[in-house]
C-alpha cells in the first residue's frame, strides 16, 4: 500500500538478554549497568509487519524527524491498541522496529504473538489493519503530551527502555499508513 508493504507470516524470534540496569527505586536514578551471559531464547511465532521504502529514512531526516524513533513509537501504539481487536493482554504481544531487516531489505516494524507457535492474535490486527492503524493514530494524535508518554507511544514493557522514540515521526508514520490503507483490510492489505 503506497510506500508500505504489510504482511503476515511465520517468523523465527530470537531474544537475548545481555545486561540490565540497576536503578534507585525512589528516583529511578541509574546506579549501575550490569552485564549478564544467558542463552538466547528462540522460537517460531506469527508476526504482522509493516515494511517501509528505504528512501523514507532520508525523507524523515530532511524533515528533522527520527525514522527509527517514529517506527518504535508507532510500534508501541499499534501493540497497545491490538488487544482491543484480539481480546488479549498486551503482554501476549511483542514488537520490534529495525532500520534494516535483512530478510526484507528495508526498514520494518513487527508486531508478534509473544508465545511459541503463535496464538492467532496478530491475525486479528492483520484482518482489521485499517482499524488498528486508525485507533493507534487517534491515540497518538489526541494525546496532549509533547514528546511521548505512557498514554501514547511509551510502553512499560519496552525492552530498550523506550529509546529511541520520536512522537512527531510516529504521528507522521501512522498518518501516512492511515492515508495509504484507507479501506484496506485482510488479504487486500498483504
C-alpha atoms as a PDB file:
ATOM      1  CA  UNK A   1       0.000   0.000   0.000  1.00  0.00           C
ATOM      2  CA  UNK A   2       1.781   3.098  -1.219  1.00  0.00           C
ATOM      3  CA  UNK A   3       5.168   3.409   0.484  1.00  0.00           C
ATOM      4  CA  UNK A   4       4.497   0.374   2.662  1.00  0.00           C
ATOM      5  CA  UNK A   5       4.325  -3.408   2.447  1.00  0.00           C
ATOM      6  CA  UNK A   6       2.101  -5.062   5.039  1.00  0.00           C
ATOM      7  CA  UNK A   7       2.465  -8.777   5.636  1.00  0.00           C
ATOM      8  CA  UNK A   8       1.573 -11.631   7.933  1.00  0.00           C
ATOM      9  CA  UNK A   9       3.507 -14.832   8.383  1.00  0.00           C
ATOM     10  CA  UNK A  10       5.613 -17.136  10.487  1.00  0.00           C
ATOM     11  CA  UNK A  11       8.855 -15.752  11.897  1.00  0.00           C
ATOM     12  CA  UNK A  12      11.736 -17.024  13.985  1.00  0.00           C
ATOM     13  CA  UNK A  13      12.094 -14.804  17.037  1.00  0.00           C
ATOM     14  CA  UNK A  14      15.388 -14.602  18.896  1.00  0.00           C
ATOM     15  CA  UNK A  15      15.606 -12.700  22.174  1.00  0.00           C
ATOM     16  CA  UNK A  16      18.857 -12.275  24.019  1.00  0.00           C
ATOM     17  CA  UNK A  17      19.442 -10.554  27.347  1.00  0.00           C
ATOM     18  CA  UNK A  18      22.922  -9.069  27.557  1.00  0.00           C
ATOM     19  CA  UNK A  19      22.525  -6.896  30.627  1.00  0.00           C
ATOM     20  CA  UNK A  20      20.324  -4.874  32.898  1.00  0.00           C
ATOM     21  CA  UNK A  21      20.253  -1.529  34.673  1.00  0.00           C
ATOM     22  CA  UNK A  22      20.129  -1.169  38.442  1.00  0.00           C
ATOM     23  CA  UNK A  23      18.048   1.869  39.375  1.00  0.00           C
ATOM     24  CA  UNK A  24      17.398   3.615  42.659  1.00  0.00           C
ATOM     25  CA  UNK A  25      13.804   2.691  43.446  1.00  0.00           C
ATOM     26  CA  UNK A  26      12.577   6.079  44.687  1.00  0.00           C
ATOM     27  CA  UNK A  27      14.147   8.249  41.972  1.00  0.00           C
ATOM     28  CA  UNK A  28      14.890   5.741  39.187  1.00  0.00           C
ATOM     29  CA  UNK A  29      18.416   7.189  39.105  1.00  0.00           C
ATOM     30  CA  UNK A  30      20.834   4.872  37.297  1.00  0.00           C
ATOM     31  CA  UNK A  31      23.101   3.141  39.795  1.00  0.00           C
ATOM     32  CA  UNK A  32      24.852   0.584  37.642  1.00  0.00           C
ATOM     33  CA  UNK A  33      24.781  -1.165  34.278  1.00  0.00           C
ATOM     34  CA  UNK A  34      25.350  -4.890  34.713  1.00  0.00           C
ATOM     35  CA  UNK A  35      26.287  -7.463  32.070  1.00  0.00           C
ATOM     36  CA  UNK A  36      24.929 -10.999  32.045  1.00  0.00           C
ATOM     37  CA  UNK A  37      25.616 -14.062  29.964  1.00  0.00           C
ATOM     38  CA  UNK A  38      22.465 -16.003  29.151  1.00  0.00           C
ATOM     39  CA  UNK A  39      21.439 -18.372  26.412  1.00  0.00           C
ATOM     40  CA  UNK A  40      19.245 -16.654  23.818  1.00  0.00           C
ATOM     41  CA  UNK A  41      15.585 -17.633  23.672  1.00  0.00           C
ATOM     42  CA  UNK A  42      14.461 -18.633  20.196  1.00  0.00           C
ATOM     43  CA  UNK A  43      11.037 -19.701  18.968  1.00  0.00           C
ATOM     44  CA  UNK A  44       8.741 -19.596  15.968  1.00  0.00           C
ATOM     45  CA  UNK A  45       5.643 -17.434  16.148  1.00  0.00           C
ATOM     46  CA  UNK A  46       3.367 -15.352  13.942  1.00  0.00           C
ATOM     47  CA  UNK A  47       4.058 -11.720  13.074  1.00  0.00           C
ATOM     48  CA  UNK A  48       2.423  -8.846  11.278  1.00  0.00           C
ATOM     49  CA  UNK A  49       4.935  -6.499   9.677  1.00  0.00           C
ATOM     50  CA  UNK A  50       4.975  -3.121   8.028  1.00  0.00           C
ATOM     51  CA  UNK A  51       7.953  -2.601   5.721  1.00  0.00           C
ATOM     52  CA  UNK A  52       8.845   0.931   4.614  1.00  0.00           C
ATOM     53  CA  UNK A  53      10.604   2.070   1.476  1.00  0.00           C
ATOM     54  CA  UNK A  54      14.311   2.626   2.230  1.00  0.00           C
ATOM     55  CA  UNK A  55      14.090   6.230   0.940  1.00  0.00           C
ATOM     56  CA  UNK A  56      11.844   7.122   3.884  1.00  0.00           C
ATOM     57  CA  UNK A  57      14.855   7.437   6.199  1.00  0.00           C
ATOM     58  CA  UNK A  58      16.292  10.318   4.136  1.00  0.00           C
ATOM     59  CA  UNK A  59      12.823  11.883   3.801  1.00  0.00           C
ATOM     60  CA  UNK A  60      12.342  11.845   7.575  1.00  0.00           C
ATOM     61  CA  UNK A  61      15.865  13.145   8.231  1.00  0.00           C
ATOM     62  CA  UNK A  62      15.238  16.100   5.862  1.00  0.00           C
ATOM     63  CA  UNK A  63      12.120  16.934   7.890  1.00  0.00           C
ATOM     64  CA  UNK A  64      14.072  16.794  11.173  1.00  0.00           C
ATOM     65  CA  UNK A  65      12.391  13.546  12.234  1.00  0.00           C
ATOM     66  CA  UNK A  66      13.983  10.348  13.541  1.00  0.00           C
ATOM     67  CA  UNK A  67      12.624   7.446  11.479  1.00  0.00           C
ATOM     68  CA  UNK A  68      13.583   4.676  13.921  1.00  0.00           C
ATOM     69  CA  UNK A  69      12.111   6.712  16.799  1.00  0.00           C
ATOM     70  CA  UNK A  70       8.903   7.108  14.791  1.00  0.00           C
ATOM     71  CA  UNK A  71       8.764   3.429  13.876  1.00  0.00           C
ATOM     72  CA  UNK A  72       9.360   2.468  17.511  1.00  0.00           C
ATOM     73  CA  UNK A  73       6.638   4.861  18.721  1.00  0.00           C
ATOM     74  CA  UNK A  74       4.185   3.635  16.076  1.00  0.00           C
ATOM     75  CA  UNK A  75       5.012   0.031  17.016  1.00  0.00           C
ATOM     76  CA  UNK A  76       4.183   0.763  20.679  1.00  0.00           C
ATOM     77  CA  UNK A  77       0.910   2.480  19.740  1.00  0.00           C
ATOM     78  CA  UNK A  78      -0.107  -0.430  17.478  1.00  0.00           C
ATOM     79  CA  UNK A  79       0.768  -3.023  20.144  1.00  0.00           C
ATOM     80  CA  UNK A  80      -1.202  -1.011  22.737  1.00  0.00           C
ATOM     81  CA  UNK A  81      -4.337  -0.977  20.532  1.00  0.00           C
ATOM     82  CA  UNK A  82      -4.193  -4.571  19.262  1.00  0.00           C
ATOM     83  CA  UNK A  83      -5.672  -6.108  22.467  1.00  0.00           C
ATOM     84  CA  UNK A  84      -8.899  -4.219  21.697  1.00  0.00           C
ATOM     85  CA  UNK A  85      -9.209  -6.287  18.500  1.00  0.00           C
ATOM     86  CA  UNK A  86      -7.599  -9.553  19.604  1.00  0.00           C
ATOM     87  CA  UNK A  87      -9.119  -9.848  23.089  1.00  0.00           C
ATOM     88  CA  UNK A  88      -5.793 -10.439  24.794  1.00  0.00           C
ATOM     89  CA  UNK A  89      -3.419  -8.867  27.270  1.00  0.00           C
ATOM     90  CA  UNK A  90      -0.794  -6.503  25.866  1.00  0.00           C
ATOM     91  CA  UNK A  91       1.859  -8.819  27.387  1.00  0.00           C
ATOM     92  CA  UNK A  92       0.720 -11.547  24.961  1.00  0.00           C
ATOM     93  CA  UNK A  93       2.189  -9.388  22.197  1.00  0.00           C
ATOM     94  CA  UNK A  94       5.592  -8.041  21.335  1.00  0.00           C
ATOM     95  CA  UNK A  95       7.105  -5.697  18.834  1.00  0.00           C
ATOM     96  CA  UNK A  96      10.380  -4.691  17.276  1.00  0.00           C
ATOM     97  CA  UNK A  97      11.440  -1.970  14.835  1.00  0.00           C
ATOM     98  CA  UNK A  98      14.509  -2.242  12.614  1.00  0.00           C
ATOM     99  CA  UNK A  99      16.052   0.317  10.242  1.00  0.00           C
ATOM    100  CA  UNK A 100      17.206  -2.571   8.081  1.00  0.00           C
ATOM    101  CA  UNK A 101      15.672  -6.032   8.146  1.00  0.00           C
ATOM    102  CA  UNK A 102      17.969  -8.394   6.258  1.00  0.00           C
ATOM    103  CA  UNK A 103      15.127 -10.601   5.018  1.00  0.00           C
ATOM    104  CA  UNK A 104      13.016  -7.725   3.703  1.00  0.00           C
ATOM    105  CA  UNK A 105      15.907  -5.481   2.704  1.00  0.00           C
ATOM    106  CA  UNK A 106      14.220  -2.378   4.110  1.00  0.00           C
ATOM    107  CA  UNK A 107      13.110  -0.731   7.352  1.00  0.00           C
ATOM    108  CA  UNK A 108      10.327  -2.685   9.068  1.00  0.00           C
ATOM    109  CA  UNK A 109       8.321  -2.834  12.252  1.00  0.00           C
ATOM    110  CA  UNK A 110       6.915  -6.102  13.533  1.00  0.00           C
ATOM    111  CA  UNK A 111       4.078  -6.977  15.903  1.00  0.00           C
ATOM    112  CA  UNK A 112       4.234 -10.596  17.036  1.00  0.00           C
ATOM    113  CA  UNK A 113       2.489 -13.139  19.234  1.00  0.00           C
ATOM    114  CA  UNK A 114       4.769 -13.437  22.276  1.00  0.00           C
ATOM    115  CA  UNK A 115       4.177 -17.189  22.591  1.00  0.00           C
ATOM    116  CA  UNK A 116       5.876 -20.078  20.773  1.00  0.00           C
ATOM    117  CA  UNK A 117       3.795 -21.188  17.801  1.00  0.00           C
ATOM    118  CA  UNK A 118       1.664 -18.040  17.955  1.00  0.00           C
ATOM    119  CA  UNK A 119      -1.867 -17.726  19.301  1.00  0.00           C
ATOM    120  CA  UNK A 120      -3.672 -16.091  16.383  1.00  0.00           C
ATOM    121  CA  UNK A 121      -3.515 -12.643  17.967  1.00  0.00           C
ATOM    122  CA  UNK A 122      -1.703 -10.646  15.297  1.00  0.00           C
ATOM    123  CA  UNK A 123      -4.007 -12.168  12.677  1.00  0.00           C
ATOM    124  CA  UNK A 124      -6.785 -10.033  14.199  1.00  0.00           C
ATOM    125  CA  UNK A 125      -4.631  -6.955  13.620  1.00  0.00           C
ATOM    126  CA  UNK A 126      -3.900  -8.008  10.061  1.00  0.00           C
ATOM    127  CA  UNK A 127      -7.558  -8.681   9.276  1.00  0.00           C
ATOM    128  CA  UNK A 128      -8.555  -5.292  10.719  1.00  0.00           C
ATOM    129  CA  UNK A 129      -5.368  -3.454   9.786  1.00  0.00           C
ATOM    130  CA  UNK A 130      -7.018  -0.164   8.789  1.00  0.00           C
ATOM    131  CA  UNK A 131      -8.962  -0.062  12.048  1.00  0.00           C
ATOM    132  CA  UNK A 132      -5.835  -0.912  14.071  1.00  0.00           C
ATOM    133  CA  UNK A 133      -3.902   1.935  12.429  1.00  0.00           C
ATOM    134  CA  UNK A 134      -6.844   4.304  12.886  1.00  0.00           C
ATOM    135  CA  UNK A 135      -7.023   3.526  16.626  1.00  0.00           C
ATOM    136  CA  UNK A 136      -3.251   3.873  17.116  1.00  0.00           C
ATOM    137  CA  UNK A 137      -3.143   7.100  15.121  1.00  0.00           C
ATOM    138  CA  UNK A 138      -6.030   8.587  17.125  1.00  0.00           C
ATOM    139  CA  UNK A 139      -4.347   7.684  20.438  1.00  0.00           C
ATOM    140  CA  UNK A 140      -1.134   9.449  19.404  1.00  0.00           C
ATOM    141  CA  UNK A 141      -2.870  12.445  17.785  1.00  0.00           C
ATOM    142  CA  UNK A 142      -5.209  13.070  20.715  1.00  0.00           C
ATOM    143  CA  UNK A 143      -2.579  12.787  23.438  1.00  0.00           C
ATOM    144  CA  UNK A 144      -1.680  16.304  24.635  1.00  0.00           C
ATOM    145  CA  UNK A 145       1.923  15.473  25.558  1.00  0.00           C
ATOM    146  CA  UNK A 146       4.794  16.961  23.559  1.00  0.00           C
ATOM    147  CA  UNK A 147       7.364  14.195  23.255  1.00  0.00           C
ATOM    148  CA  UNK A 148       5.565  10.942  24.077  1.00  0.00           C
ATOM    149  CA  UNK A 149       4.197   9.449  27.266  1.00  0.00           C
ATOM    150  CA  UNK A 150       2.688   6.152  28.515  1.00  0.00           C
ATOM    151  CA  UNK A 151      -0.659   7.308  27.098  1.00  0.00           C
ATOM    152  CA  UNK A 152       0.580   7.348  23.517  1.00  0.00           C
ATOM    153  CA  UNK A 153       3.986   5.977  22.439  1.00  0.00           C
ATOM    154  CA  UNK A 154       5.779   4.732  25.564  1.00  0.00           C
ATOM    155  CA  UNK A 155       5.434   1.139  26.737  1.00  0.00           C
ATOM    156  CA  UNK A 156       6.098  -0.149  30.256  1.00  0.00           C
ATOM    157  CA  UNK A 157       7.224  -3.428  28.662  1.00  0.00           C
ATOM    158  CA  UNK A 158       9.745  -1.974  26.188  1.00  0.00           C
ATOM    159  CA  UNK A 159      12.964  -3.967  26.208  1.00  0.00           C
ATOM    160  CA  UNK A 160      15.004  -0.981  25.034  1.00  0.00           C
ATOM    161  CA  UNK A 161      13.894   1.459  27.715  1.00  0.00           C
ATOM    162  CA  UNK A 162      11.611   3.375  25.333  1.00  0.00           C
ATOM    163  CA  UNK A 163      14.614   4.543  23.307  1.00  0.00           C
ATOM    164  CA  UNK A 164      14.614   5.908  20.692  1.00  0.00           C
ATOM    165  CA  UNK A 165      11.159   7.490  20.448  1.00  0.00           C
ATOM    166  CA  UNK A 166      10.024  10.412  18.279  1.00  0.00           C
ATOM    167  CA  UNK A 167       6.358  11.349  18.702  1.00  0.00           C
ATOM    168  CA  UNK A 168       6.253  13.678  15.682  1.00  0.00           C
ATOM    169  CA  UNK A 169       7.733  10.940  13.489  1.00  0.00           C
ATOM    170  CA  UNK A 170       5.296   8.356  14.929  1.00  0.00           C
ATOM    171  CA  UNK A 171       2.369  10.693  14.145  1.00  0.00           C
ATOM    172  CA  UNK A 172       3.654  11.168  10.610  1.00  0.00           C
ATOM    173  CA  UNK A 173       4.204   7.457  10.034  1.00  0.00           C
ATOM    174  CA  UNK A 174       0.794   6.444  11.408  1.00  0.00           C
ATOM    175  CA  UNK A 175      -0.864   9.235   9.408  1.00  0.00           C
ATOM    176  CA  UNK A 176       0.829   8.058   6.204  1.00  0.00           C
ATOM    177  CA  UNK A 177      -0.162   4.453   6.931  1.00  0.00           C
ATOM    178  CA  UNK A 178      -3.735   5.540   7.600  1.00  0.00           C
ATOM    179  CA  UNK A 179      -3.877   7.512   4.362  1.00  0.00           C
ATOM    180  CA  UNK A 180      -2.288   4.712   2.314  1.00  0.00           C
ATOM    181  CA  UNK A 181      -4.505   1.981   3.741  1.00  0.00           C
ATOM    182  CA  UNK A 182      -7.958   3.589   3.777  1.00  0.00           C
ATOM    183  CA  UNK A 183     -10.494   0.840   3.287  1.00  0.00           C
ATOM    184  CA  UNK A 184      -7.947  -1.960   3.017  1.00  0.00           C
ATOM    185  CA  UNK A 185      -8.342  -4.961   5.292  1.00  0.00           C
ATOM    186  CA  UNK A 186      -7.474  -8.631   5.376  1.00  0.00           C
ATOM    187  CA  UNK A 187      -5.784 -10.153   2.371  1.00  0.00           C
ATOM    188  CA  UNK A 188      -6.223  -6.934   0.369  1.00  0.00           C
ATOM    189  CA  UNK A 189      -3.509  -5.404   2.559  1.00  0.00           C
ATOM    190  CA  UNK A 190      -0.944  -8.174   2.062  1.00  0.00           C
END
